[in-house]
Amino acid sequence: MRRQDLINTARALVADHKGLLAMDESTPTCNKRFAKLGIPQTEEARRSYREMIVTTPGLGESISGAILYDETIHQSKKDGTPFVKVLQDAGIIPGIKVDTGAKDLAGHPGEKITEGLDGLRERLSEYFKMGARFAKWRAVLAIGDGIPSRGCIDANAEMLALYAGLCQEAGLVPIVEPEVLMDGDHTLERCGKVTEEVLRMVFNKLNSQRVMLEGMILKPNMVLPGLNCPKQESVDEVADATVTSLLRAVPAAVPAIAFLSGGQSPELASARLNAMNIRFKSRLPWALAFSFARAIQQPALEIWKGNDANLLPAQQALYHQAKCNRAARQGEYNASMERT
């Protein structure tokens, strides 16, 4: 384990009010988004879309690291320049999603377990040689009648900890992502309690696996009411509930918390992150950053639509959205910054 290198990389990923761009959608997920917009679901279309992203002028002003998918880390620009080199030249650290997806958890109806540990040590070594310096593993936990169960929380936390240990052994900073899903009609209070329980178990397992907390980044959900809950709390109430849960469960040794957007609109994701930094930043032991996917990419994708004639306005939208989130890290975001 390269202890100081891991610490330095973790700090660099959240330095200067920047955050992460999650462009690690799996092929099926990317194809679904393309299909909705009439974009061909082909490898070349996906490559072209990702070239649009990584070549966006000025992206490195707001983005410190980009999480890639296995297909993407092997891809290049039309001129043959590897995407990894394009990112590095822009001052953006390449990262890689390494889990192989969430599958049904045996004996636990309605619950999932994330797989991907088989052969992971060898894959991490190869990704490091390709230039990746951090990795990501996502666990998903649904809230419902009697779930998440203790067994589901325990199993997913164990997988996250084993993954994180292997990452640090290979010299990669682990992004640890336990996502409590927004789906359902649960209340803000219920989400807060579940999030705390999940995070406590995750850090219990991380400690058991001797993961160095200073050399990792936590990527959690914000504490939110379910999408179908009749009561949808204000931006400030979400900020308060989220930070309260994190303070109760996340050790001070962790350098940063980079939130997932989890299906929130770009505006809400930015506004909620902004409120947290305005209300709590001076009192927190860790940086509050972002690791958004759709909340940064979706406006650009809807403009691009697979047509190179739309390249420039799509890149301008991507740059703008990333800039909004950098402003939110500084507590300087407001709704008037959004495009109409």
C-alpha atoms as a PDB file:
ATOM      1  CA  MET A   1       0.000   0.000   0.000  1.00  0.00           C
ATOM      2  CA  ARG A   2       1.305   3.435  -0.985  1.00  0.00           C
ATOM      3  CA  ARG A   3      -0.026   5.204   2.078  1.00  0.00           C
ATOM      4  CA  GLN A   4       0.977   8.797   1.306  1.00  0.00           C
ATOM      5  CA  ASP A   5       0.081   8.471  -2.381  1.00  0.00           C
ATOM      6  CA  LEU A   6      -3.423   7.379  -1.404  1.00  0.00           C
ATOM      7  CA  ILE A   7      -3.815  10.287   0.992  1.00  0.00           C
ATOM      8  CA  ASN A   8      -2.544  12.751  -1.606  1.00  0.00           C
ATOM      9  CA  THR A   9      -4.888  11.422  -4.295  1.00  0.00           C
ATOM     10  CA  ALA A  10      -7.905  11.498  -1.976  1.00  0.00           C
ATOM     11  CA  ARG A  11      -7.148  15.116  -1.117  1.00  0.00           C
ATOM     12  CA  ALA A  12      -6.555  16.043  -4.758  1.00  0.00           C
ATOM     13  CA  LEU A  13      -9.958  14.663  -5.726  1.00  0.00           C
ATOM     14  CA  VAL A  14     -11.700  17.310  -3.605  1.00  0.00           C
ATOM     15  CA  ALA A  15      -9.156  20.129  -3.750  1.00  0.00           C
ATOM     16  CA  ASP A  16      -9.977  23.685  -4.813  1.00  0.00           C
ATOM     17  CA  HIS A  17     -13.763  23.237  -4.437  1.00  0.00           C
ATOM     18  CA  LYS A  18     -13.884  20.717  -7.300  1.00  0.00           C
ATOM     19  CA  GLY A  19     -15.768  17.427  -7.486  1.00  0.00           C
ATOM     20  CA  LEU A  20     -16.142  14.201  -9.424  1.00  0.00           C
ATOM     21  CA  LEU A  21     -17.945  13.489 -12.672  1.00  0.00           C
ATOM     22  CA  ALA A  22     -19.491  10.013 -12.676  1.00  0.00           C
ATOM     23  CA  MET A  23     -19.502   8.953 -16.330  1.00  0.00           C
ATOM     24  CA  ASP A  24     -19.511   5.258 -15.483  1.00  0.00           C
ATOM     25  CA  GLU A  25     -22.963   4.232 -16.672  1.00  0.00           C
ATOM     26  CA  SER A  26     -23.037   0.593 -17.689  1.00  0.00           C
ATOM     27  CA  THR A  27     -23.742  -0.226 -21.317  1.00  0.00           C
ATOM     28  CA  PRO A  28     -27.398  -1.174 -20.627  1.00  0.00           C
ATOM     29  CA  THR A  29     -27.989   2.019 -18.626  1.00  0.00           C
ATOM     30  CA  CYS A  30     -26.346   4.217 -21.257  1.00  0.00           C
ATOM     31  CA  ASN A  31     -28.349   2.517 -24.003  1.00  0.00           C
ATOM     32  CA  LYS A  32     -31.617   3.170 -22.144  1.00  0.00           C
ATOM     33  CA  ARG A  33     -30.836   6.871 -21.941  1.00  0.00           C
ATOM     34  CA  PHE A  34     -29.880   6.935 -25.611  1.00  0.00           C
ATOM     35  CA  ALA A  35     -33.092   5.133 -26.607  1.00  0.00           C
ATOM     36  CA  LYS A  36     -35.234   7.793 -24.903  1.00  0.00           C
ATOM     37  CA  LEU A  37     -33.581  10.456 -27.074  1.00  0.00           C
ATOM     38  CA  GLY A  38     -33.478   8.470 -30.313  1.00  0.00           C
ATOM     39  CA  ILE A  39     -29.696   8.011 -30.226  1.00  0.00           C
ATOM     40  CA  PRO A  40     -28.344   4.767 -31.756  1.00  0.00           C
ATOM     41  CA  GLN A  41     -27.427   2.254 -29.064  1.00  0.00           C
ATOM     42  CA  THR A  42     -24.023   1.391 -30.498  1.00  0.00           C
ATOM     43  CA  GLU A  43     -20.477   1.288 -29.182  1.00  0.00           C
ATOM     44  CA  GLU A  44     -19.501   4.096 -31.553  1.00  0.00           C
ATOM     45  CA  ALA A  45     -22.353   6.309 -30.334  1.00  0.00           C
ATOM     46  CA  ARG A  46     -21.268   5.709 -26.734  1.00  0.00           C
ATOM     47  CA  ARG A  47     -17.649   6.462 -27.649  1.00  0.00           C
ATOM     48  CA  SER A  48     -18.674   9.662 -29.423  1.00  0.00           C
ATOM     49  CA  TYR A  49     -20.771  10.770 -26.447  1.00  0.00           C
ATOM     50  CA  ARG A  50     -17.909  10.195 -24.037  1.00  0.00           C
ATOM     51  CA  GLU A  51     -15.517  12.034 -26.355  1.00  0.00           C
ATOM     52  CA  MET A  52     -17.904  14.986 -26.192  1.00  0.00           C
ATOM     53  CA  ILE A  53     -17.624  14.871 -22.393  1.00  0.00           C
ATOM     54  CA  VAL A  54     -13.878  14.436 -21.941  1.00  0.00           C
ATOM     55  CA  THR A  55     -12.974  17.070 -24.551  1.00  0.00           C
ATOM     56  CA  THR A  56     -15.218  19.759 -23.037  1.00  0.00           C
ATOM     57  CA  PRO A  57     -13.055  22.904 -22.826  1.00  0.00           C
ATOM     58  CA  GLY A  58     -12.402  24.032 -19.264  1.00  0.00           C
ATOM     59  CA  LEU A  59     -13.953  20.950 -17.637  1.00  0.00           C
ATOM     60  CA  GLY A  60     -10.944  20.640 -15.328  1.00  0.00           C
ATOM     61  CA  GLU A  61     -11.832  23.988 -13.746  1.00  0.00           C
ATOM     62  CA  SER A  62     -14.643  22.280 -11.808  1.00  0.00           C
ATOM     63  CA  ILE A  63     -13.976  18.538 -12.154  1.00  0.00           C
ATOM     64  CA  SER A  64     -11.040  16.900 -10.373  1.00  0.00           C
ATOM     65  CA  GLY A  65     -11.760  13.271 -11.233  1.00  0.00           C
ATOM     66  CA  ALA A  66     -13.840  11.271 -13.717  1.00  0.00           C
ATOM     67  CA  ILE A  67     -15.224   7.817 -12.964  1.00  0.00           C
ATOM     68  CA  LEU A  68     -15.074   5.678 -16.102  1.00  0.00           C
ATOM     69  CA  TYR A  69     -16.703   2.402 -17.118  1.00  0.00           C
ATOM     70  CA  ASP A  70     -14.620  -0.538 -18.376  1.00  0.00           C
ATOM     71  CA  GLU A  71     -15.650   0.149 -21.968  1.00  0.00           C
ATOM     72  CA  THR A  72     -14.789   3.833 -21.597  1.00  0.00           C
ATOM     73  CA  ILE A  73     -11.329   3.449 -20.068  1.00  0.00           C
ATOM     74  CA  HIS A  74     -10.346   1.431 -23.147  1.00  0.00           C
ATOM     75  CA  GLN A  75     -11.741   3.997 -25.601  1.00  0.00           C
ATOM     76  CA  SER A  76     -10.027   6.833 -27.448  1.00  0.00           C
ATOM     77  CA  LYS A  77     -10.822   9.969 -29.393  1.00  0.00           C
ATOM     78  CA  LYS A  78     -11.314   9.646 -33.137  1.00  0.00           C
ATOM     79  CA  ASP A  79      -7.671  10.662 -33.576  1.00  0.00           C
ATOM     80  CA  GLY A  80      -6.542   7.740 -31.407  1.00  0.00           C
ATOM     81  CA  THR A  81      -5.738   9.645 -28.197  1.00  0.00           C
ATOM     82  CA  PRO A  82      -6.826   7.504 -25.216  1.00  0.00           C
ATOM     83  CA  PHE A  83      -9.524   9.066 -23.057  1.00  0.00           C
ATOM     84  CA  VAL A  84      -7.280   8.515 -20.025  1.00  0.00           C
ATOM     85  CA  LYS A  85      -4.628  10.782 -21.550  1.00  0.00           C
ATOM     86  CA  VAL A  86      -7.216  13.398 -22.548  1.00  0.00           C
ATOM     87  CA  LEU A  87      -8.387  13.565 -18.931  1.00  0.00           C
ATOM     88  CA  GLN A  88      -4.861  13.658 -17.517  1.00  0.00           C
ATOM     89  CA  ASP A  89      -3.915  16.481 -19.892  1.00  0.00           C
ATOM     90  CA  ALA A  90      -6.954  18.416 -18.611  1.00  0.00           C
ATOM     91  CA  GLY A  91      -5.803  17.968 -15.004  1.00  0.00           C
ATOM     92  CA  ILE A  92      -8.541  15.416 -14.277  1.00  0.00           C
ATOM     93  CA  ILE A  93      -7.686  12.197 -12.417  1.00  0.00           C
ATOM     94  CA  PRO A  94      -9.069   9.066 -14.124  1.00  0.00           C
ATOM     95  CA  GLY A  95     -11.040   6.597 -12.006  1.00  0.00           C
ATOM     96  CA  ILE A  96     -12.889   3.354 -12.714  1.00  0.00           C
ATOM     97  CA  LYS A  97     -16.117   1.626 -11.667  1.00  0.00           C
ATOM     98  CA  VAL A  98     -15.192  -1.930 -10.700  1.00  0.00           C
ATOM     99  CA  ASP A  99     -18.344  -3.605  -9.375  1.00  0.00           C
ATOM    100  CA  THR A 100     -20.313  -5.764 -11.804  1.00  0.00           C
ATOM    101  CA  GLY A 101     -23.760  -4.698 -10.711  1.00  0.00           C
ATOM    102  CA  ALA A 102     -26.437  -5.375  -8.120  1.00  0.00           C
ATOM    103  CA  LYS A 103     -28.119  -8.798  -8.170  1.00  0.00           C
ATOM    104  CA  ASP A 104     -30.948 -10.289  -6.109  1.00  0.00           C
ATOM    105  CA  LEU A 105     -29.799 -11.212  -2.599  1.00  0.00           C
ATOM    106  CA  ALA A 106     -30.656 -14.839  -1.895  1.00  0.00           C
ATOM    107  CA  GLY A 107     -33.253 -15.238   0.847  1.00  0.00           C
ATOM    108  CA  HIS A 108     -34.035 -11.512   0.903  1.00  0.00           C
ATOM    109  CA  PRO A 109     -36.927 -10.638  -1.439  1.00  0.00           C
ATOM    110  CA  GLY A 110     -36.714  -7.088  -2.759  1.00  0.00           C
ATOM    111  CA  GLU A 111     -33.084  -6.637  -1.740  1.00  0.00           C
ATOM    112  CA  LYS A 112     -29.838  -6.547  -3.716  1.00  0.00           C
ATOM    113  CA  ILE A 113     -26.189  -7.488  -3.274  1.00  0.00           C
ATOM    114  CA  THR A 114     -23.460  -5.960  -5.420  1.00  0.00           C
ATOM    115  CA  GLU A 115     -21.088  -8.435  -7.065  1.00  0.00           C
ATOM    116  CA  GLY A 116     -17.627  -8.137  -8.596  1.00  0.00           C
ATOM    117  CA  LEU A 117     -14.995  -9.383  -6.142  1.00  0.00           C
ATOM    118  CA  ASP A 118     -13.949 -12.348  -8.315  1.00  0.00           C
ATOM    119  CA  GLY A 119     -10.723 -11.417 -10.094  1.00  0.00           C
ATOM    120  CA  LEU A 120     -10.834  -7.886  -8.673  1.00  0.00           C
ATOM    121  CA  ARG A 121      -7.203  -7.846  -7.480  1.00  0.00           C
ATOM    122  CA  GLU A 122      -5.989  -8.535 -11.025  1.00  0.00           C
ATOM    123  CA  ARG A 123      -8.397  -6.031 -12.589  1.00  0.00           C
ATOM    124  CA  LEU A 124      -7.319  -3.296 -10.186  1.00  0.00           C
ATOM    125  CA  SER A 125      -3.677  -3.905 -11.037  1.00  0.00           C
ATOM    126  CA  GLU A 126      -4.464  -3.572 -14.741  1.00  0.00           C
ATOM    127  CA  TYR A 127      -6.506  -0.395 -14.264  1.00  0.00           C
ATOM    128  CA  PHE A 128      -3.663   1.142 -12.246  1.00  0.00           C
ATOM    129  CA  LYS A 129      -1.270   0.437 -15.136  1.00  0.00           C
ATOM    130  CA  MET A 130      -3.742   2.137 -17.491  1.00  0.00           C
ATOM    131  CA  GLY A 131      -3.627   5.318 -15.394  1.00  0.00           C
ATOM    132  CA  ALA A 132      -6.584   5.002 -13.015  1.00  0.00           C
ATOM    133  CA  ARG A 133      -5.856   6.307  -9.528  1.00  0.00           C
ATOM    134  CA  PHE A 134      -9.189   5.712  -7.845  1.00  0.00           C
ATOM    135  CA  ALA A 135     -12.093   3.277  -8.130  1.00  0.00           C
ATOM    136  CA  LYS A 136     -15.785   3.058  -7.266  1.00  0.00           C
ATOM    137  CA  TRP A 137     -18.118   0.347  -5.958  1.00  0.00           C
ATOM    138  CA  ARG A 138     -21.856   0.989  -5.521  1.00  0.00           C
ATOM    139  CA  ALA A 139     -24.157  -0.825  -3.126  1.00  0.00           C
ATOM    140  CA  VAL A 140     -27.907  -0.191  -3.352  1.00  0.00           C
ATOM    141  CA  LEU A 141     -30.311  -0.420  -0.433  1.00  0.00           C
ATOM    142  CA  ALA A 142     -34.049   0.061  -0.804  1.00  0.00           C
ATOM    143  CA  ILE A 143     -36.384   1.311   1.904  1.00  0.00           C
ATOM    144  CA  GLY A 144     -39.682  -0.539   2.197  1.00  0.00           C
ATOM    145  CA  ASP A 145     -41.776  -2.756   4.418  1.00  0.00           C
ATOM    146  CA  GLY A 146     -39.205  -4.497   6.616  1.00  0.00           C
ATOM    147  CA  ILE A 147     -36.264  -3.495   4.445  1.00  0.00           C
ATOM    148  CA  PRO A 148     -33.398  -2.923   4.338  1.00  0.00           C
ATOM    149  CA  SER A 149     -32.809  -5.961   6.533  1.00  0.00           C
ATOM    150  CA  ARG A 150     -29.813  -6.313   8.819  1.00  0.00           C
ATOM    151  CA  GLY A 151     -28.601  -9.155   6.594  1.00  0.00           C
ATOM    152  CA  CYS A 152     -28.666  -6.984   3.471  1.00  0.00           C
ATOM    153  CA  ILE A 153     -26.903  -4.082   5.169  1.00  0.00           C
ATOM    154  CA  ASP A 154     -24.264  -6.402   6.623  1.00  0.00           C
ATOM    155  CA  ALA A 155     -23.590  -8.207   3.328  1.00  0.00           C
ATOM    156  CA  ASN A 156     -23.252  -5.026   1.258  1.00  0.00           C
ATOM    157  CA  ALA A 157     -21.056  -3.348   3.868  1.00  0.00           C
ATOM    158  CA  GLU A 158     -18.785  -6.408   3.886  1.00  0.00           C
ATOM    159  CA  MET A 159     -18.427  -6.295   0.092  1.00  0.00           C
ATOM    160  CA  LEU A 160     -17.653  -2.560   0.181  1.00  0.00           C
ATOM    161  CA  ALA A 161     -14.956  -3.120   2.807  1.00  0.00           C
ATOM    162  CA  LEU A 162     -13.314  -6.012   0.952  1.00  0.00           C
ATOM    163  CA  TYR A 163     -13.319  -3.948  -2.250  1.00  0.00           C
ATOM    164  CA  ALA A 164     -11.823  -0.936  -0.453  1.00  0.00           C
ATOM    165  CA  GLY A 165      -9.020  -3.010   1.014  1.00  0.00           C
ATOM    166  CA  LEU A 166      -8.116  -4.433  -2.394  1.00  0.00           C
ATOM    167  CA  CYS A 167      -8.157  -0.938  -3.905  1.00  0.00           C
ATOM    168  CA  GLN A 168      -5.698   0.443  -1.364  1.00  0.00           C
ATOM    169  CA  GLU A 169      -3.449  -2.593  -1.817  1.00  0.00           C
ATOM    170  CA  ALA A 170      -3.346  -1.754  -5.551  1.00  0.00           C
ATOM    171  CA  GLY A 171      -2.665   1.946  -4.971  1.00  0.00           C
ATOM    172  CA  LEU A 172      -6.157   3.157  -5.863  1.00  0.00           C
ATOM    173  CA  VAL A 173      -8.313   5.377  -3.643  1.00  0.00           C
ATOM    174  CA  PRO A 174     -11.623   3.591  -3.024  1.00  0.00           C
ATOM    175  CA  ILE A 175     -14.825   5.535  -3.498  1.00  0.00           C
ATOM    176  CA  VAL A 176     -17.202   3.771  -1.111  1.00  0.00           C
ATOM    177  CA  GLU A 177     -20.796   4.203  -2.294  1.00  0.00           C
ATOM    178  CA  PRO A 178     -23.616   2.846  -0.111  1.00  0.00           C
ATOM    179  CA  GLU A 179     -26.735   4.286  -1.763  1.00  0.00           C
ATOM    180  CA  VAL A 180     -30.037   4.341   0.097  1.00  0.00           C
ATOM    181  CA  LEU A 181     -32.454   4.713  -2.796  1.00  0.00           C
ATOM    182  CA  MET A 182     -34.962   7.538  -3.255  1.00  0.00           C
ATOM    183  CA  ASP A 183     -37.676   5.210  -4.535  1.00  0.00           C
ATOM    184  CA  GLY A 184     -40.711   4.736  -2.293  1.00  0.00           C
ATOM    185  CA  ASP A 185     -42.945   6.704   0.029  1.00  0.00           C
ATOM    186  CA  HIS A 186     -40.708   6.774   3.102  1.00  0.00           C
ATOM    187  CA  THR A 187     -40.310   9.925   5.146  1.00  0.00           C
ATOM    188  CA  LEU A 188     -37.231  12.079   5.527  1.00  0.00           C
ATOM    189  CA  GLU A 189     -36.896  10.820   9.112  1.00  0.00           C
ATOM    190  CA  ARG A 190     -36.957   7.167   8.016  1.00  0.00           C
ATOM    191  CA  CYS A 191     -34.301   7.812   5.381  1.00  0.00           C
ATOM    192  CA  GLY A 192     -32.120   9.485   8.001  1.00  0.00           C
ATOM    193  CA  LYS A 193     -32.350   6.527  10.361  1.00  0.00           C
ATOM    194  CA  VAL A 194     -31.622   3.995   7.608  1.00  0.00           C
ATOM    195  CA  THR A 195     -28.718   6.057   6.269  1.00  0.00           C
ATOM    196  CA  GLU A 196     -27.159   6.233   9.739  1.00  0.00           C
ATOM    197  CA  GLU A 197     -27.553   2.490  10.251  1.00  0.00           C
ATOM    198  CA  VAL A 198     -25.990   1.734   6.874  1.00  0.00           C
ATOM    199  CA  LEU A 199     -23.055   4.091   7.383  1.00  0.00           C
ATOM    200  CA  ARG A 200     -22.298   2.768  10.856  1.00  0.00           C
ATOM    201  CA  MET A 201     -22.154  -0.781   9.502  1.00  0.00           C
ATOM    202  CA  VAL A 202     -20.006   0.278   6.543  1.00  0.00           C
ATOM    203  CA  PHE A 203     -17.409   1.916   8.763  1.00  0.00           C
ATOM    204  CA  ASN A 204     -17.477  -1.011  11.170  1.00  0.00           C
ATOM    205  CA  LYS A 205     -16.575  -3.303   8.265  1.00  0.00           C
ATOM    206  CA  LEU A 206     -13.992  -0.871   6.845  1.00  0.00           C
ATOM    207  CA  ASN A 207     -12.224  -0.836  10.195  1.00  0.00           C
ATOM    208  CA  SER A 208     -12.344  -4.625  10.392  1.00  0.00           C
ATOM    209  CA  GLN A 209     -10.635  -4.816   6.986  1.00  0.00           C
ATOM    210  CA  ARG A 210      -8.001  -2.260   8.071  1.00  0.00           C
ATOM    211  CA  VAL A 211      -8.950   0.224   5.390  1.00  0.00           C
ATOM    212  CA  MET A 212      -7.091   3.509   5.855  1.00  0.00           C
ATOM    213  CA  LEU A 213      -9.854   6.075   6.220  1.00  0.00           C
ATOM    214  CA  GLU A 214      -7.586   8.974   5.231  1.00  0.00           C
ATOM    215  CA  GLY A 215      -7.107   7.337   1.833  1.00  0.00           C
ATOM    216  CA  MET A 216     -10.749   6.855   0.824  1.00  0.00           C
ATOM    217  CA  ILE A 217     -13.790   8.952  -0.091  1.00  0.00           C
ATOM    218  CA  LEU A 218     -17.374   8.271   0.959  1.00  0.00           C
ATOM    219  CA  LYS A 219     -20.052   8.633  -1.727  1.00  0.00           C
ATOM    220  CA  PRO A 220     -23.420   8.492   0.071  1.00  0.00           C
ATOM    221  CA  ASN A 221     -26.957   9.505  -0.741  1.00  0.00           C
ATOM    222  CA  MET A 222     -28.380  12.718   0.627  1.00  0.00           C
ATOM    223  CA  VAL A 223     -31.080  12.120   3.246  1.00  0.00           C
ATOM    224  CA  LEU A 224     -34.305  12.586   1.281  1.00  0.00           C
ATOM    225  CA  PRO A 225     -37.989  11.723   1.550  1.00  0.00           C
ATOM    226  CA  GLY A 226     -39.093   9.031  -0.897  1.00  0.00           C
ATOM    227  CA  LEU A 227     -40.149  10.261  -4.311  1.00  0.00           C
ATOM    228  CA  ASN A 228     -43.735   9.249  -3.530  1.00  0.00           C
ATOM    229  CA  CYS A 229     -43.824  10.663  -0.010  1.00  0.00           C
ATOM    230  CA  PRO A 230     -46.602  13.295   0.313  1.00  0.00           C
ATOM    231  CA  LYS A 231     -44.325  15.563   2.319  1.00  0.00           C
ATOM    232  CA  GLN A 232     -41.281  16.877   0.466  1.00  0.00           C
ATOM    233  CA  GLU A 233     -39.108  18.881   2.843  1.00  0.00           C
ATOM    234  CA  SER A 234     -37.351  22.131   1.935  1.00  0.00           C
ATOM    235  CA  VAL A 235     -33.774  22.410   0.727  1.00  0.00           C
ATOM    236  CA  ASP A 236     -32.629  23.570   4.171  1.00  0.00           C
ATOM    237  CA  GLU A 237     -34.459  20.742   5.945  1.00  0.00           C
ATOM    238  CA  VAL A 238     -32.786  18.188   3.667  1.00  0.00           C
ATOM    239  CA  ALA A 239     -29.413  19.798   4.335  1.00  0.00           C
ATOM    240  CA  ASP A 240     -29.958  19.644   8.100  1.00  0.00           C
ATOM    241  CA  ALA A 241     -31.115  16.017   8.058  1.00  0.00           C
ATOM    242  CA  THR A 242     -28.252  14.926   5.818  1.00  0.00           C
ATOM    243  CA  VAL A 243     -25.484  16.564   7.824  1.00  0.00           C
ATOM    244  CA  THR A 244     -26.985  15.339  11.102  1.00  0.00           C
ATOM    245  CA  SER A 245     -26.852  11.729   9.894  1.00  0.00           C
ATOM    246  CA  LEU A 246     -23.314  12.108   8.587  1.00  0.00           C
ATOM    247  CA  LEU A 247     -22.032  13.667  11.809  1.00  0.00           C
ATOM    248  CA  ARG A 248     -23.436  10.738  13.755  1.00  0.00           C
ATOM    249  CA  ALA A 249     -21.903   8.046  11.552  1.00  0.00           C
ATOM    250  CA  VAL A 250     -18.854   9.200   9.546  1.00  0.00           C
ATOM    251  CA  PRO A 251     -15.433   9.345  11.255  1.00  0.00           C
ATOM    252  CA  ALA A 252     -13.503  12.605  11.101  1.00  0.00           C
ATOM    253  CA  ALA A 253     -10.533  10.792   9.510  1.00  0.00           C
ATOM    254  CA  VAL A 254     -12.410  10.545   6.194  1.00  0.00           C
ATOM    255  CA  PRO A 255     -11.173  13.454   4.050  1.00  0.00           C
ATOM    256  CA  ALA A 256     -14.289  13.990   1.991  1.00  0.00           C
ATOM    257  CA  ILE A 257     -17.901  13.114   1.342  1.00  0.00           C
ATOM    258  CA  ALA A 258     -18.844  13.327  -2.352  1.00  0.00           C
ATOM    259  CA  PHE A 259     -22.602  12.973  -2.725  1.00  0.00           C
ATOM    260  CA  LEU A 260     -24.282  10.999  -5.466  1.00  0.00           C
ATOM    261  CA  SER A 261     -27.176  12.742  -7.192  1.00  0.00           C
ATOM    262  CA  GLY A 262     -29.349   9.617  -7.214  1.00  0.00           C
ATOM    263  CA  GLY A 263     -31.935  10.862  -9.685  1.00  0.00           C
ATOM    264  CA  GLN A 264     -32.317  14.369  -8.274  1.00  0.00           C
ATOM    265  CA  SER A 265     -32.720  17.172 -10.784  1.00  0.00           C
ATOM    266  CA  PRO A 266     -29.563  19.199 -11.455  1.00  0.00           C
ATOM    267  CA  GLU A 267     -31.143  22.198  -9.723  1.00  0.00           C
ATOM    268  CA  LEU A 268     -32.121  20.361  -6.542  1.00  0.00           C
ATOM    269  CA  ALA A 269     -28.830  18.483  -6.269  1.00  0.00           C
ATOM    270  CA  SER A 270     -26.906  21.754  -6.518  1.00  0.00           C
ATOM    271  CA  ALA A 271     -29.230  23.649  -4.190  1.00  0.00           C
ATOM    272  CA  ARG A 272     -29.075  20.986  -1.471  1.00  0.00           C
ATOM    273  CA  LEU A 273     -25.273  20.720  -1.624  1.00  0.00           C
ATOM    274  CA  ASN A 274     -25.077  24.513  -1.523  1.00  0.00           C
ATOM    275  CA  ALA A 275     -27.281  24.681   1.576  1.00  0.00           C
ATOM    276  CA  MET A 276     -25.096  22.155   3.402  1.00  0.00           C
ATOM    277  CA  ASN A 277     -21.971  24.158   2.693  1.00  0.00           C
ATOM    278  CA  ILE A 278     -23.578  27.465   3.691  1.00  0.00           C
ATOM    279  CA  ARG A 279     -25.015  26.125   6.940  1.00  0.00           C
ATOM    280  CA  PHE A 280     -22.333  23.701   8.128  1.00  0.00           C
ATOM    281  CA  LYS A 281     -19.043  23.974   6.226  1.00  0.00           C
ATOM    282  CA  SER A 282     -17.084  25.749   8.966  1.00  0.00           C
ATOM    283  CA  ARG A 283     -18.078  23.092  11.523  1.00  0.00           C
ATOM    284  CA  LEU A 284     -17.423  19.893   9.570  1.00  0.00           C
ATOM    285  CA  PRO A 285     -14.374  17.584   9.777  1.00  0.00           C
ATOM    286  CA  TRP A 286     -14.663  16.528   6.121  1.00  0.00           C
ATOM    287  CA  ALA A 287     -15.185  18.358   2.839  1.00  0.00           C
ATOM    288  CA  LEU A 288     -18.651  18.153   1.273  1.00  0.00           C
ATOM    289  CA  ALA A 289     -18.281  17.648  -2.466  1.00  0.00           C
ATOM    290  CA  PHE A 290     -20.164  16.086  -5.367  1.00  0.00           C
ATOM    291  CA  SER A 291     -19.864  12.973  -7.507  1.00  0.00           C
ATOM    292  CA  PHE A 292     -22.789  13.513  -9.850  1.00  0.00           C
ATOM    293  CA  ALA A 293     -23.731  11.702 -13.037  1.00  0.00           C
ATOM    294  CA  ARG A 294     -27.102  12.678 -14.499  1.00  0.00           C
ATOM    295  CA  ALA A 295     -27.181  15.940 -12.506  1.00  0.00           C
ATOM    296  CA  ILE A 296     -24.216  17.093 -14.595  1.00  0.00           C
ATOM    297  CA  GLN A 297     -24.604  15.159 -17.845  1.00  0.00           C
ATOM    298  CA  GLN A 298     -28.332  15.089 -18.565  1.00  0.00           C
ATOM    299  CA  PRO A 299     -28.728  18.638 -19.919  1.00  0.00           C
ATOM    300  CA  ALA A 300     -25.759  18.095 -22.247  1.00  0.00           C
ATOM    301  CA  LEU A 301     -27.056  14.716 -23.426  1.00  0.00           C
ATOM    302  CA  GLU A 302     -30.457  16.195 -24.249  1.00  0.00           C
ATOM    303  CA  ILE A 303     -28.769  18.892 -26.354  1.00  0.00           C
ATOM    304  CA  TRP A 304     -26.265  16.585 -28.082  1.00  0.00           C
ATOM    305  CA  LYS A 305     -28.730  13.811 -29.066  1.00  0.00           C
ATOM    306  CA  GLY A 306     -26.026  11.999 -31.045  1.00  0.00           C
ATOM    307  CA  ASN A 307     -25.591  14.887 -33.473  1.00  0.00           C
ATOM    308  CA  ASP A 308     -22.095  16.354 -33.787  1.00  0.00           C
ATOM    309  CA  ALA A 309     -23.653  19.605 -34.991  1.00  0.00           C
ATOM    310  CA  ASN A 310     -24.813  20.054 -31.381  1.00  0.00           C
ATOM    311  CA  LEU A 311     -21.364  19.418 -29.911  1.00  0.00           C
ATOM    312  CA  LEU A 312     -20.500  22.959 -28.830  1.00  0.00           C
ATOM    313  CA  PRO A 313     -23.791  23.821 -27.065  1.00  0.00           C
ATOM    314  CA  ALA A 314     -23.774  20.399 -25.398  1.00  0.00           C
ATOM    315  CA  GLN A 315     -20.264  20.983 -24.074  1.00  0.00           C
ATOM    316  CA  GLN A 316     -21.234  24.453 -22.922  1.00  0.00           C
ATOM    317  CA  ALA A 317     -24.132  22.936 -20.935  1.00  0.00           C
ATOM    318  CA  LEU A 318     -21.829  20.331 -19.380  1.00  0.00           C
ATOM    319  CA  TYR A 319     -19.267  22.985 -18.442  1.00  0.00           C
ATOM    320  CA  HIS A 320     -22.013  25.167 -16.982  1.00  0.00           C
ATOM    321  CA  GLN A 321     -23.506  22.392 -14.861  1.00  0.00           C
ATOM    322  CA  ALA A 322     -20.098  21.418 -13.478  1.00  0.00           C
ATOM    323  CA  LYS A 323     -19.451  25.078 -12.680  1.00  0.00           C
ATOM    324  CA  CYS A 324     -22.779  25.288 -10.800  1.00  0.00           C
ATOM    325  CA  ASN A 325     -21.735  22.414  -8.578  1.00  0.00           C
ATOM    326  CA  ARG A 326     -18.327  23.918  -7.882  1.00  0.00           C
ATOM    327  CA  ALA A 327     -20.207  27.046  -6.798  1.00  0.00           C
ATOM    328  CA  ALA A 328     -22.392  24.871  -4.535  1.00  0.00           C
ATOM    329  CA  ARG A 329     -19.274  23.568  -2.808  1.00  0.00           C
ATOM    330  CA  GLN A 330     -18.434  27.159  -1.960  1.00  0.00           C
ATOM    331  CA  GLY A 331     -21.958  28.059  -0.855  1.00  0.00           C
ATOM    332  CA  GLU A 332     -22.218  30.436  -3.807  1.00  0.00           C
ATOM    333  CA  TYR A 333     -24.849  28.673  -5.923  1.00  0.00           C
ATOM    334  CA  ASN A 334     -28.255  30.151  -6.638  1.00  0.00           C
ATOM    335  CA  ALA A 335     -31.079  29.146  -8.950  1.00  0.00           C
ATOM    336  CA  SER A 336     -30.486  32.107 -11.236  1.00  0.00           C
ATOM    337  CA  MET A 337     -27.275  30.405 -12.396  1.00  0.00           C
ATOM    338  CA  GLU A 338     -29.298  27.668 -14.110  1.00  0.00           C
ATOM    339  CA  ARG A 339     -30.090  27.829 -17.784  1.00  0.00           C
ATOM    340  CA  THR A 340     -33.697  28.527 -18.668  1.00  0.00           C
END
